[in-house]
């Protein structure tokens, strides 16, 4: 994931730099995109690995050959206790690491979108875009879950389509945004980012 995207970033950077149109601001912005993509690639790989750790039985087959799909849900729904030590001493587990990686993945992807959208003059030719999945998850489920269209219950699930943030709903809360899940959101983000970079390279070659 993101191998082609990282190559496209370097091609765009080279063409912009070679034409002496590269402002110092553009250099810093492209350097951040380069670094964020490296982080996204690493995060995606870690997410894939952690999914197999926290949910090893997503798909199972019984003795009759019947396939079953399992979904694992993680949340912090334990009520408080009079003695705080037991709950306050619970160690971080792999499912906590997975939750953290998924949220940071969306932060990095959204940041790349913002850089391209806000830098038309410094990064000529790039197509501004906002992927639906990355945008709604970052805005409504990570950054502003208590606002309109957000989901206040702190939870996530792991199933065949990957991790899905804030999958549980409070019975008295209004219906919130549904996370399309990480694999689908990543594919959409990568496709639109590649199209943006390819358009930018074509523009600079003219």
N, C-alpha and C. Protein backbone atom coordinates (compact mmCIF):
# COMPACT_ATOMS: atom_id res chain seq x y z
N UNK A 1 0.84 -1.20 0.00
CA UNK A 1 0.00 0.00 0.00
C UNK A 1 0.88 1.25 0.00
N UNK A 2 0.54 2.19 -0.86
CA UNK A 2 1.21 3.49 -0.99
C UNK A 2 2.58 3.46 -1.65
N UNK A 3 3.00 2.32 -2.19
CA UNK A 3 4.29 2.29 -2.90
C UNK A 3 4.26 3.22 -4.12
N UNK A 4 3.23 3.07 -4.94
CA UNK A 4 3.11 3.92 -6.12
C UNK A 4 2.96 5.38 -5.72
N UNK A 5 2.20 5.63 -4.68
CA UNK A 5 1.95 7.01 -4.23
C UNK A 5 3.25 7.69 -3.83
N UNK A 6 4.11 6.99 -3.12
CA UNK A 6 5.38 7.58 -2.70
C UNK A 6 6.26 7.90 -3.89
N UNK A 7 6.23 7.05 -4.91
CA UNK A 7 7.00 7.33 -6.13
C UNK A 7 6.45 8.57 -6.83
N UNK A 8 5.13 8.68 -6.90
CA UNK A 8 4.51 9.84 -7.55
C UNK A 8 4.85 11.14 -6.83
N UNK A 9 4.91 11.11 -5.52
CA UNK A 9 5.29 12.30 -4.75
C UNK A 9 6.70 12.74 -5.13
N UNK A 10 7.62 11.79 -5.21
CA UNK A 10 9.00 12.14 -5.56
C UNK A 10 9.10 12.66 -7.00
N UNK A 11 8.32 12.10 -7.91
CA UNK A 11 8.32 12.58 -9.29
C UNK A 11 7.79 14.01 -9.37
N UNK A 12 6.69 14.25 -8.66
CA UNK A 12 6.12 15.60 -8.65
C UNK A 12 7.11 16.60 -8.04
N UNK A 13 7.71 16.24 -6.93
CA UNK A 13 8.68 17.08 -6.24
C UNK A 13 9.85 17.41 -7.18
N UNK A 14 10.34 16.39 -7.87
CA UNK A 14 11.48 16.59 -8.78
C UNK A 14 11.13 17.56 -9.91
N UNK A 15 9.97 17.37 -10.53
CA UNK A 15 9.57 18.24 -11.64
C UNK A 15 9.37 19.68 -11.17
N UNK A 16 8.76 19.84 -10.00
CA UNK A 16 8.55 21.19 -9.48
C UNK A 16 9.88 21.85 -9.15
N UNK A 17 10.78 21.09 -8.55
CA UNK A 17 12.10 21.61 -8.17
C UNK A 17 12.93 21.94 -9.41
N UNK A 18 12.85 21.10 -10.45
CA UNK A 18 13.64 21.29 -11.67
C UNK A 18 13.22 22.54 -12.44
N UNK A 19 11.95 22.87 -12.36
CA UNK A 19 11.46 24.04 -13.08
C UNK A 19 11.71 25.34 -12.33
N UNK A 20 12.33 25.25 -11.18
CA UNK A 20 12.63 26.41 -10.33
C UNK A 20 11.36 27.16 -9.94
N UNK A 21 10.26 26.41 -9.89
CA UNK A 21 8.99 26.98 -9.42
C UNK A 21 8.73 26.60 -7.96
N UNK A 22 9.68 25.90 -7.38
CA UNK A 22 9.47 25.34 -6.05
C UNK A 22 9.81 26.38 -4.98
N UNK A 23 8.77 26.91 -4.33
CA UNK A 23 8.99 27.85 -3.24
C UNK A 23 9.47 27.10 -2.00
N UNK A 24 10.03 27.84 -1.07
CA UNK A 24 10.47 27.21 0.18
C UNK A 24 9.28 26.60 0.92
N UNK A 25 8.16 27.29 0.83
CA UNK A 25 6.94 26.76 1.44
C UNK A 25 6.55 25.42 0.80
N UNK A 26 6.65 25.35 -0.54
CA UNK A 26 6.32 24.11 -1.24
C UNK A 26 7.24 22.97 -0.82
N UNK A 27 8.52 23.28 -0.65
CA UNK A 27 9.46 22.26 -0.20
C UNK A 27 9.03 21.66 1.13
N UNK A 28 8.69 22.53 2.08
CA UNK A 28 8.29 22.05 3.40
C UNK A 28 7.00 21.24 3.33
N UNK A 29 6.05 21.67 2.51
CA UNK A 29 4.79 20.96 2.38
C UNK A 29 4.99 19.58 1.76
N UNK A 30 5.81 19.49 0.73
CA UNK A 30 6.07 18.20 0.09
C UNK A 30 6.89 17.28 0.98
N UNK A 31 7.77 17.87 1.76
CA UNK A 31 8.53 17.06 2.72
C UNK A 31 7.59 16.47 3.77
N UNK A 32 6.57 17.24 4.17
CA UNK A 32 5.61 16.70 5.13
C UNK A 32 4.78 15.59 4.49
N UNK A 33 4.33 15.80 3.24
CA UNK A 33 3.57 14.75 2.57
C UNK A 33 4.41 13.48 2.46
N UNK A 34 5.68 13.64 2.10
CA UNK A 34 6.60 12.50 2.01
C UNK A 34 6.65 11.75 3.35
N UNK A 35 6.82 12.49 4.43
CA UNK A 35 6.90 11.87 5.75
C UNK A 35 5.59 11.24 6.19
N UNK A 36 4.48 11.94 5.92
CA UNK A 36 3.17 11.40 6.30
C UNK A 36 2.87 10.10 5.56
N UNK A 37 3.25 10.02 4.29
CA UNK A 37 3.03 8.80 3.53
C UNK A 37 3.86 7.65 4.08
N UNK A 38 5.07 7.95 4.49
CA UNK A 38 5.91 6.92 5.11
C UNK A 38 5.24 6.41 6.40
N UNK A 39 4.68 7.35 7.18
CA UNK A 39 3.97 6.97 8.39
C UNK A 39 2.72 6.15 8.07
N UNK A 40 1.97 6.57 7.05
CA UNK A 40 0.75 5.85 6.67
C UNK A 40 1.07 4.42 6.23
N UNK A 41 2.15 4.27 5.48
CA UNK A 41 2.55 2.94 5.03
C UNK A 41 2.88 2.04 6.22
N UNK A 42 3.62 2.60 7.17
CA UNK A 42 3.98 1.83 8.36
C UNK A 42 2.74 1.52 9.20
N UNK A 43 1.86 2.51 9.36
CA UNK A 43 0.64 2.31 10.15
C UNK A 43 -0.25 1.25 9.54
N UNK A 44 -0.40 1.29 8.22
CA UNK A 44 -1.26 0.32 7.54
C UNK A 44 -0.74 -1.10 7.77
N UNK A 45 0.57 -1.27 7.67
CA UNK A 45 1.16 -2.58 7.89
C UNK A 45 0.95 -3.04 9.32
N UNK A 46 1.13 -2.12 10.28
CA UNK A 46 0.91 -2.47 11.69
C UNK A 46 -0.55 -2.80 11.96
N UNK A 47 -1.46 -2.05 11.34
CA UNK A 47 -2.88 -2.32 11.52
C UNK A 47 -3.22 -3.72 11.01
N UNK A 48 -2.71 -4.06 9.84
CA UNK A 48 -2.95 -5.40 9.29
C UNK A 48 -2.45 -6.49 10.26
N UNK A 49 -1.26 -6.29 10.81
CA UNK A 49 -0.69 -7.28 11.72
C UNK A 49 -1.47 -7.36 13.03
N UNK A 50 -1.85 -6.20 13.57
CA UNK A 50 -2.57 -6.19 14.85
C UNK A 50 -3.97 -6.77 14.72
N UNK A 51 -4.58 -6.63 13.56
CA UNK A 51 -5.90 -7.23 13.34
C UNK A 51 -5.82 -8.75 13.53
N UNK A 52 -4.76 -9.36 13.04
CA UNK A 52 -4.61 -10.82 13.18
C UNK A 52 -4.35 -11.21 14.63
N UNK A 53 -3.84 -10.27 15.43
CA UNK A 53 -3.56 -10.55 16.84
C UNK A 53 -4.84 -10.43 17.68
N UNK A 54 -5.56 -9.34 17.49
CA UNK A 54 -6.73 -9.08 18.35
C UNK A 54 -7.98 -9.82 17.86
N UNK A 55 -7.99 -10.22 16.59
CA UNK A 55 -9.17 -10.93 16.05
C UNK A 55 -8.71 -12.05 15.13
N UNK A 56 -8.08 -13.07 15.68
CA UNK A 56 -7.54 -14.15 14.84
C UNK A 56 -8.61 -15.03 14.20
N UNK A 57 -9.83 -14.94 14.72
CA UNK A 57 -10.90 -15.82 14.23
C UNK A 57 -11.99 -15.05 13.48
N UNK A 58 -11.59 -14.02 12.71
CA UNK A 58 -12.58 -13.26 11.94
C UNK A 58 -13.36 -14.19 11.02
N UNK A 59 -12.66 -15.11 10.39
CA UNK A 59 -13.32 -16.11 9.54
C UNK A 59 -12.94 -17.50 10.04
N UNK A 60 -13.94 -18.30 10.35
CA UNK A 60 -13.69 -19.66 10.81
C UNK A 60 -14.54 -20.64 9.99
N UNK A 61 -14.10 -21.87 9.96
CA UNK A 61 -14.83 -22.93 9.26
C UNK A 61 -15.00 -24.09 10.23
N UNK A 62 -16.25 -24.53 10.43
CA UNK A 62 -16.48 -25.63 11.37
C UNK A 62 -16.25 -26.98 10.70
N UNK A 63 -16.51 -28.05 11.45
CA UNK A 63 -16.20 -29.39 10.96
C UNK A 63 -17.05 -29.79 9.75
N UNK A 64 -18.17 -29.11 9.55
CA UNK A 64 -19.02 -29.42 8.40
C UNK A 64 -18.63 -28.61 7.16
N UNK A 65 -17.67 -27.71 7.32
CA UNK A 65 -17.25 -26.87 6.22
C UNK A 65 -17.99 -25.55 6.13
N UNK A 66 -18.88 -25.29 7.10
CA UNK A 66 -19.63 -24.04 7.09
C UNK A 66 -18.74 -22.89 7.57
N UNK A 67 -18.70 -21.82 6.78
CA UNK A 67 -17.87 -20.65 7.12
C UNK A 67 -18.67 -19.68 7.98
N UNK A 68 -17.98 -19.11 8.96
CA UNK A 68 -18.61 -18.14 9.86
C UNK A 68 -17.74 -16.89 9.93
N UNK A 69 -18.40 -15.74 9.92
CA UNK A 69 -17.69 -14.46 10.07
C UNK A 69 -17.93 -13.94 11.48
N UNK A 70 -16.86 -13.58 12.17
CA UNK A 70 -16.95 -13.08 13.53
C UNK A 70 -16.53 -11.62 13.61
N UNK A 71 -17.20 -10.86 14.45
CA UNK A 71 -16.87 -9.46 14.68
C UNK A 71 -16.50 -9.28 16.14
N UNK A 72 -15.37 -8.64 16.40
CA UNK A 72 -14.92 -8.36 17.76
C UNK A 72 -15.16 -6.89 18.08
N UNK A 73 -15.79 -6.62 19.21
CA UNK A 73 -16.09 -5.24 19.61
C UNK A 73 -15.31 -4.92 20.88
N UNK A 74 -14.63 -3.77 20.89
CA UNK A 74 -13.84 -3.34 22.05
C UNK A 74 -14.38 -2.00 22.55
N UNK A 75 -14.52 -1.88 23.86
CA UNK A 75 -15.00 -0.62 24.44
C UNK A 75 -14.57 -0.55 25.90
N UNK A 76 -14.79 0.60 26.51
CA UNK A 76 -14.50 0.80 27.93
C UNK A 76 -15.81 1.03 28.68
N UNK A 77 -16.63 0.00 28.75
CA UNK A 77 -17.97 0.15 29.31
C UNK A 77 -18.08 -0.31 30.77
N UNK A 78 -16.95 -0.67 31.38
CA UNK A 78 -17.01 -1.11 32.78
C UNK A 78 -17.45 0.05 33.68
N UNK A 79 -18.38 -0.20 34.63
CA UNK A 79 -18.79 0.87 35.56
C UNK A 79 -17.67 1.14 36.56
N UNK A 80 -17.65 2.32 37.16
CA UNK A 80 -16.62 2.63 38.16
C UNK A 80 -16.79 1.76 39.41
N UNK A 81 -15.70 1.55 40.10
CA UNK A 81 -15.72 0.77 41.33
C UNK A 81 -15.27 1.64 42.51
N UNK A 82 -15.70 1.26 43.70
CA UNK A 82 -15.36 2.03 44.90
C UNK A 82 -13.85 2.11 45.08
N UNK A 83 -13.18 0.99 44.89
CA UNK A 83 -11.72 0.96 44.94
C UNK A 83 -11.20 1.19 43.53
N UNK A 84 -10.51 2.30 43.27
CA UNK A 84 -10.11 2.63 41.90
C UNK A 84 -8.91 1.84 41.38
N UNK A 85 -8.21 1.11 42.25
CA UNK A 85 -6.93 0.53 41.87
C UNK A 85 -7.04 -0.51 40.76
N UNK A 86 -8.07 -1.37 40.80
CA UNK A 86 -8.13 -2.44 39.81
C UNK A 86 -8.28 -1.89 38.40
N UNK A 87 -9.24 -0.99 38.20
CA UNK A 87 -9.46 -0.44 36.87
C UNK A 87 -8.32 0.48 36.45
N UNK A 88 -7.77 1.21 37.42
CA UNK A 88 -6.68 2.13 37.09
C UNK A 88 -5.37 1.41 36.81
N UNK A 89 -5.31 0.13 37.12
CA UNK A 89 -4.08 -0.65 36.92
C UNK A 89 -4.13 -1.54 35.68
N UNK A 90 -5.22 -1.50 34.94
CA UNK A 90 -5.33 -2.32 33.74
C UNK A 90 -4.27 -1.88 32.72
N UNK A 91 -3.52 -2.84 32.22
CA UNK A 91 -2.44 -2.54 31.28
C UNK A 91 -2.99 -2.35 29.86
N UNK A 92 -2.27 -1.58 29.08
CA UNK A 92 -2.59 -1.44 27.67
C UNK A 92 -2.41 -2.78 26.96
N UNK A 93 -3.34 -3.10 26.07
CA UNK A 93 -3.31 -4.36 25.34
C UNK A 93 -3.20 -4.11 23.84
N UNK A 94 -2.95 -5.16 23.05
CA UNK A 94 -2.84 -4.96 21.60
C UNK A 94 -4.04 -4.26 20.97
N UNK A 95 -5.25 -4.50 21.52
CA UNK A 95 -6.41 -3.82 20.91
C UNK A 95 -6.36 -2.32 21.17
N UNK A 96 -5.69 -1.88 22.24
CA UNK A 96 -5.49 -0.44 22.47
C UNK A 96 -4.51 0.13 21.44
N UNK A 97 -3.45 -0.62 21.15
CA UNK A 97 -2.49 -0.19 20.14
C UNK A 97 -3.15 -0.08 18.77
N UNK A 98 -4.01 -1.04 18.45
CA UNK A 98 -4.71 -1.02 17.17
C UNK A 98 -5.62 0.20 17.07
N UNK A 99 -6.35 0.46 18.13
CA UNK A 99 -7.25 1.63 18.16
C UNK A 99 -6.47 2.92 17.94
N UNK A 100 -5.34 3.05 18.61
CA UNK A 100 -4.49 4.23 18.49
C UNK A 100 -3.94 4.37 17.07
N UNK A 101 -3.47 3.27 16.50
CA UNK A 101 -2.91 3.31 15.14
C UNK A 101 -3.96 3.71 14.12
N UNK A 102 -5.18 3.20 14.27
CA UNK A 102 -6.24 3.52 13.31
C UNK A 102 -6.59 5.01 13.38
N UNK A 103 -6.72 5.54 14.59
CA UNK A 103 -7.05 6.96 14.72
C UNK A 103 -5.93 7.84 14.14
N UNK A 104 -4.68 7.48 14.39
CA UNK A 104 -3.58 8.29 13.86
C UNK A 104 -3.48 8.15 12.34
N UNK A 105 -3.84 6.98 11.83
CA UNK A 105 -3.87 6.79 10.38
C UNK A 105 -4.80 7.82 9.74
N UNK A 106 -5.98 7.99 10.31
CA UNK A 106 -6.93 8.95 9.76
C UNK A 106 -6.42 10.38 9.91
N UNK A 107 -5.74 10.66 10.99
CA UNK A 107 -5.19 12.00 11.18
C UNK A 107 -4.18 12.32 10.08
N UNK A 108 -3.26 11.40 9.79
CA UNK A 108 -2.23 11.63 8.77
C UNK A 108 -2.85 11.76 7.38
N UNK A 109 -3.80 10.90 7.07
CA UNK A 109 -4.44 10.96 5.76
C UNK A 109 -5.19 12.28 5.58
N UNK A 110 -5.88 12.70 6.61
CA UNK A 110 -6.63 13.96 6.53
C UNK A 110 -5.68 15.14 6.39
N UNK A 111 -4.55 15.07 7.05
CA UNK A 111 -3.56 16.15 6.97
C UNK A 111 -3.04 16.29 5.53
N UNK A 112 -2.80 15.19 4.85
CA UNK A 112 -2.35 15.24 3.45
C UNK A 112 -3.43 15.90 2.59
N UNK A 113 -4.68 15.53 2.81
CA UNK A 113 -5.78 16.17 2.08
C UNK A 113 -5.76 17.68 2.29
N UNK A 114 -5.59 18.10 3.53
CA UNK A 114 -5.58 19.53 3.85
C UNK A 114 -4.43 20.26 3.17
N UNK A 115 -3.25 19.65 3.18
CA UNK A 115 -2.08 20.28 2.55
C UNK A 115 -2.38 20.56 1.08
N UNK A 116 -2.91 19.57 0.38
CA UNK A 116 -3.18 19.73 -1.05
C UNK A 116 -4.31 20.73 -1.29
N UNK A 117 -5.34 20.69 -0.46
CA UNK A 117 -6.48 21.59 -0.64
C UNK A 117 -6.12 23.04 -0.37
N UNK A 118 -5.19 23.27 0.56
CA UNK A 118 -4.88 24.63 1.00
C UNK A 118 -3.65 25.23 0.30
N UNK A 119 -3.07 24.52 -0.67
CA UNK A 119 -1.78 24.96 -1.22
C UNK A 119 -1.79 25.04 -2.75
N UNK A 120 -2.86 25.56 -3.31
CA UNK A 120 -3.00 25.63 -4.76
C UNK A 120 -1.87 26.42 -5.41
N UNK A 121 -1.47 27.52 -4.80
CA UNK A 121 -0.43 28.37 -5.39
C UNK A 121 0.96 27.74 -5.28
N UNK A 122 1.21 27.05 -4.18
CA UNK A 122 2.53 26.46 -3.97
C UNK A 122 2.70 25.11 -4.63
N UNK A 123 1.60 24.38 -4.81
CA UNK A 123 1.66 23.04 -5.39
C UNK A 123 0.77 23.00 -6.63
N UNK A 124 1.24 23.61 -7.72
CA UNK A 124 0.42 23.74 -8.94
C UNK A 124 0.11 22.40 -9.59
N UNK A 125 -1.10 22.31 -10.12
CA UNK A 125 -1.49 21.13 -10.87
C UNK A 125 -2.13 20.02 -10.07
N UNK A 126 -1.93 20.02 -8.76
CA UNK A 126 -2.54 18.97 -7.94
C UNK A 126 -4.05 19.19 -7.83
N UNK A 127 -4.80 18.12 -7.94
CA UNK A 127 -6.25 18.19 -7.82
C UNK A 127 -6.63 18.14 -6.35
N UNK A 128 -7.34 19.15 -5.90
CA UNK A 128 -7.83 19.15 -4.52
C UNK A 128 -8.91 18.10 -4.36
N UNK A 129 -8.89 17.36 -3.26
CA UNK A 129 -9.87 16.30 -3.06
C UNK A 129 -10.13 16.09 -1.57
N UNK A 130 -11.30 15.56 -1.27
CA UNK A 130 -11.66 15.16 0.08
C UNK A 130 -12.32 13.79 -0.02
N UNK A 131 -11.64 12.75 0.42
CA UNK A 131 -12.26 11.43 0.38
C UNK A 131 -13.32 11.34 1.46
N UNK A 132 -14.46 10.77 1.09
CA UNK A 132 -15.59 10.72 2.01
C UNK A 132 -15.24 9.96 3.29
N UNK A 133 -14.63 8.78 3.12
CA UNK A 133 -14.35 7.96 4.29
C UNK A 133 -13.40 8.61 5.28
N UNK A 134 -12.25 9.07 4.78
CA UNK A 134 -11.25 9.70 5.66
C UNK A 134 -11.82 10.95 6.32
N UNK A 135 -12.55 11.75 5.56
CA UNK A 135 -13.06 13.02 6.07
C UNK A 135 -14.10 12.82 7.17
N UNK A 136 -15.08 11.95 6.93
CA UNK A 136 -16.13 11.79 7.94
C UNK A 136 -15.60 11.11 9.19
N UNK A 137 -14.67 10.17 9.03
CA UNK A 137 -14.14 9.49 10.21
C UNK A 137 -13.29 10.44 11.04
N UNK A 138 -12.40 11.16 10.40
CA UNK A 138 -11.55 12.10 11.14
C UNK A 138 -12.38 13.18 11.82
N UNK A 139 -13.33 13.77 11.09
CA UNK A 139 -14.11 14.89 11.62
C UNK A 139 -15.13 14.47 12.66
N UNK A 140 -15.88 13.39 12.38
CA UNK A 140 -17.02 13.04 13.21
C UNK A 140 -16.77 11.95 14.24
N UNK A 141 -15.77 11.10 14.00
CA UNK A 141 -15.55 9.98 14.91
C UNK A 141 -14.24 10.08 15.69
N UNK A 142 -13.28 10.87 15.20
CA UNK A 142 -12.01 11.03 15.91
C UNK A 142 -11.91 12.40 16.57
N UNK A 143 -12.09 13.46 15.79
CA UNK A 143 -11.83 14.81 16.28
C UNK A 143 -13.03 15.43 17.00
N UNK A 144 -14.25 15.22 16.49
CA UNK A 144 -15.43 15.89 17.06
C UNK A 144 -16.58 14.91 17.28
N UNK A 145 -16.38 13.84 18.05
CA UNK A 145 -17.44 12.84 18.21
C UNK A 145 -18.65 13.33 18.99
N UNK A 146 -18.50 14.41 19.78
CA UNK A 146 -19.62 14.90 20.58
C UNK A 146 -20.46 15.93 19.84
N UNK A 147 -20.04 16.30 18.64
CA UNK A 147 -20.80 17.30 17.88
C UNK A 147 -21.81 16.61 16.96
N UNK A 148 -22.54 17.42 16.19
CA UNK A 148 -23.56 16.91 15.29
C UNK A 148 -22.96 15.86 14.34
N UNK A 149 -23.66 14.77 14.19
CA UNK A 149 -23.26 13.63 13.35
C UNK A 149 -22.14 12.79 13.96
N UNK A 150 -21.69 13.16 15.15
CA UNK A 150 -20.67 12.36 15.83
C UNK A 150 -21.29 11.20 16.58
N UNK A 151 -20.44 10.35 17.13
CA UNK A 151 -20.87 9.21 17.93
C UNK A 151 -20.08 9.25 19.23
N UNK A 152 -20.78 9.36 20.35
CA UNK A 152 -20.09 9.62 21.61
C UNK A 152 -19.57 8.35 22.29
N UNK A 153 -20.11 7.20 21.96
CA UNK A 153 -19.67 5.96 22.61
C UNK A 153 -18.27 5.60 22.12
N UNK A 154 -17.35 5.46 23.05
CA UNK A 154 -15.95 5.18 22.72
C UNK A 154 -15.77 3.68 22.52
N UNK A 155 -15.73 3.26 21.25
CA UNK A 155 -15.63 1.84 20.95
C UNK A 155 -15.10 1.67 19.53
N UNK A 156 -14.77 0.45 19.20
CA UNK A 156 -14.48 0.11 17.81
C UNK A 156 -14.64 -1.39 17.64
N UNK A 157 -14.78 -1.81 16.40
CA UNK A 157 -14.92 -3.23 16.12
C UNK A 157 -13.93 -3.65 15.05
N UNK A 158 -13.65 -4.94 15.03
CA UNK A 158 -12.79 -5.52 14.00
C UNK A 158 -13.55 -6.66 13.34
N UNK A 159 -13.68 -6.55 12.02
CA UNK A 159 -14.36 -7.58 11.25
C UNK A 159 -13.66 -7.80 9.93
N UNK A 160 -14.30 -8.47 8.98
CA UNK A 160 -13.66 -8.79 7.70
C UNK A 160 -13.21 -7.57 6.91
N UNK A 161 -13.89 -6.43 7.10
CA UNK A 161 -13.52 -5.21 6.36
C UNK A 161 -12.54 -4.34 7.13
N UNK A 162 -11.98 -4.89 8.21
CA UNK A 162 -11.00 -4.14 8.99
C UNK A 162 -11.63 -3.42 10.17
N UNK A 163 -10.83 -2.63 10.90
CA UNK A 163 -11.34 -1.89 12.05
C UNK A 163 -12.37 -0.84 11.65
N UNK A 164 -13.37 -0.69 12.48
CA UNK A 164 -14.44 0.29 12.28
C UNK A 164 -14.60 1.07 13.58
N UNK A 165 -14.35 2.38 13.53
CA UNK A 165 -14.36 3.21 14.74
C UNK A 165 -15.78 3.54 15.20
N UNK A 166 -15.94 3.61 16.52
CA UNK A 166 -17.19 4.01 17.18
C UNK A 166 -18.40 3.28 16.61
N UNK A 167 -18.32 1.96 16.66
CA UNK A 167 -19.37 1.12 16.09
C UNK A 167 -20.59 1.01 17.00
N UNK A 168 -20.42 1.20 18.31
CA UNK A 168 -21.54 1.12 19.24
C UNK A 168 -22.28 2.46 19.29
N UNK A 169 -23.59 2.38 19.57
CA UNK A 169 -24.42 3.58 19.68
C UNK A 169 -25.10 3.62 21.04
N UNK A 170 -25.22 4.82 21.61
CA UNK A 170 -25.96 5.04 22.84
C UNK A 170 -27.44 5.07 22.49
N UNK A 171 -28.26 4.39 23.28
CA UNK A 171 -29.68 4.24 22.93
C UNK A 171 -30.43 5.57 22.86
N UNK A 172 -29.98 6.58 23.62
CA UNK A 172 -30.68 7.87 23.63
C UNK A 172 -30.06 8.88 22.68
N UNK A 173 -29.00 8.48 22.00
CA UNK A 173 -28.30 9.39 21.10
C UNK A 173 -28.90 9.34 19.71
N UNK A 174 -28.77 10.45 18.98
CA UNK A 174 -29.22 10.47 17.60
C UNK A 174 -28.30 9.60 16.75
N UNK A 175 -28.81 9.03 15.66
CA UNK A 175 -27.94 8.24 14.79
C UNK A 175 -26.75 9.06 14.30
N UNK A 176 -25.59 8.48 14.39
CA UNK A 176 -24.39 9.21 13.97
C UNK A 176 -23.83 8.66 12.67
N UNK A 177 -22.68 9.20 12.29
CA UNK A 177 -21.99 8.77 11.08
C UNK A 177 -21.53 7.32 11.21
N UNK A 178 -21.64 6.57 10.14
CA UNK A 178 -21.13 5.20 10.11
C UNK A 178 -19.75 5.19 9.42
N UNK A 179 -18.80 4.54 10.05
CA UNK A 179 -17.46 4.39 9.48
C UNK A 179 -17.49 3.30 8.42
N UNK A 180 -17.12 3.62 7.16
CA UNK A 180 -17.11 2.59 6.12
C UNK A 180 -16.03 1.52 6.32
N UNK A 181 -15.18 1.70 7.27
CA UNK A 181 -14.09 0.78 7.64
C UNK A 181 -12.79 1.11 6.89
N UNK A 182 -11.70 0.75 7.57
CA UNK A 182 -10.38 1.21 7.18
C UNK A 182 -9.93 0.75 5.80
N UNK A 183 -10.19 -0.51 5.43
CA UNK A 183 -9.69 -0.98 4.14
C UNK A 183 -10.34 -0.20 3.00
N UNK A 184 -11.64 0.00 3.06
CA UNK A 184 -12.35 0.75 2.02
C UNK A 184 -11.90 2.20 2.00
N UNK A 185 -11.77 2.80 3.16
CA UNK A 185 -11.35 4.21 3.24
C UNK A 185 -9.95 4.42 2.69
N UNK A 186 -9.07 3.47 2.96
CA UNK A 186 -7.68 3.58 2.48
C UNK A 186 -7.62 3.47 0.97
N UNK A 187 -8.36 2.53 0.41
CA UNK A 187 -8.35 2.35 -1.05
C UNK A 187 -8.86 3.60 -1.75
N UNK A 188 -9.92 4.21 -1.20
CA UNK A 188 -10.46 5.44 -1.78
C UNK A 188 -9.45 6.58 -1.69
N UNK A 189 -8.82 6.71 -0.54
CA UNK A 189 -7.83 7.77 -0.32
C UNK A 189 -6.63 7.60 -1.25
N UNK A 190 -6.10 6.39 -1.35
CA UNK A 190 -4.94 6.15 -2.20
C UNK A 190 -5.27 6.45 -3.66
N UNK A 191 -6.43 6.02 -4.12
CA UNK A 191 -6.81 6.23 -5.52
C UNK A 191 -6.90 7.72 -5.85
N UNK A 192 -7.58 8.50 -5.02
CA UNK A 192 -7.75 9.93 -5.30
C UNK A 192 -6.44 10.70 -5.15
N UNK A 193 -5.60 10.29 -4.20
CA UNK A 193 -4.30 10.94 -4.04
C UNK A 193 -3.42 10.67 -5.26
N UNK A 194 -3.42 9.44 -5.73
CA UNK A 194 -2.63 9.11 -6.93
C UNK A 194 -3.10 9.92 -8.13
N UNK A 195 -4.42 10.04 -8.30
CA UNK A 195 -4.96 10.82 -9.41
C UNK A 195 -4.54 12.29 -9.31
N UNK A 196 -4.53 12.82 -8.10
CA UNK A 196 -4.11 14.21 -7.88
C UNK A 196 -2.64 14.39 -8.26
N UNK A 197 -1.80 13.48 -7.81
CA UNK A 197 -0.36 13.58 -8.10
C UNK A 197 -0.07 13.40 -9.59
N UNK A 198 -0.76 12.46 -10.22
CA UNK A 198 -0.56 12.23 -11.66
C UNK A 198 -0.95 13.47 -12.46
N UNK A 199 -2.04 14.14 -12.05
CA UNK A 199 -2.45 15.37 -12.72
C UNK A 199 -1.41 16.47 -12.53
N UNK A 200 -0.84 16.53 -11.32
CA UNK A 200 0.20 17.52 -11.05
C UNK A 200 1.45 17.29 -11.88
N UNK A 201 1.85 16.04 -12.03
CA UNK A 201 3.03 15.72 -12.84
C UNK A 201 2.79 16.09 -14.30
N UNK A 202 1.61 15.75 -14.81
CA UNK A 202 1.28 16.10 -16.20
C UNK A 202 1.29 17.62 -16.39
N UNK A 203 0.77 18.36 -15.44
CA UNK A 203 0.76 19.82 -15.51
C UNK A 203 2.18 20.39 -15.56
N UNK A 204 3.07 19.85 -14.75
CA UNK A 204 4.44 20.37 -14.71
C UNK A 204 5.26 20.00 -15.93
N UNK A 205 4.86 18.93 -16.62
CA UNK A 205 5.59 18.49 -17.82
C UNK A 205 5.24 19.34 -19.05
N UNK A 206 4.15 20.08 -18.99
CA UNK A 206 3.72 20.88 -20.14
C UNK A 206 4.68 22.04 -20.40
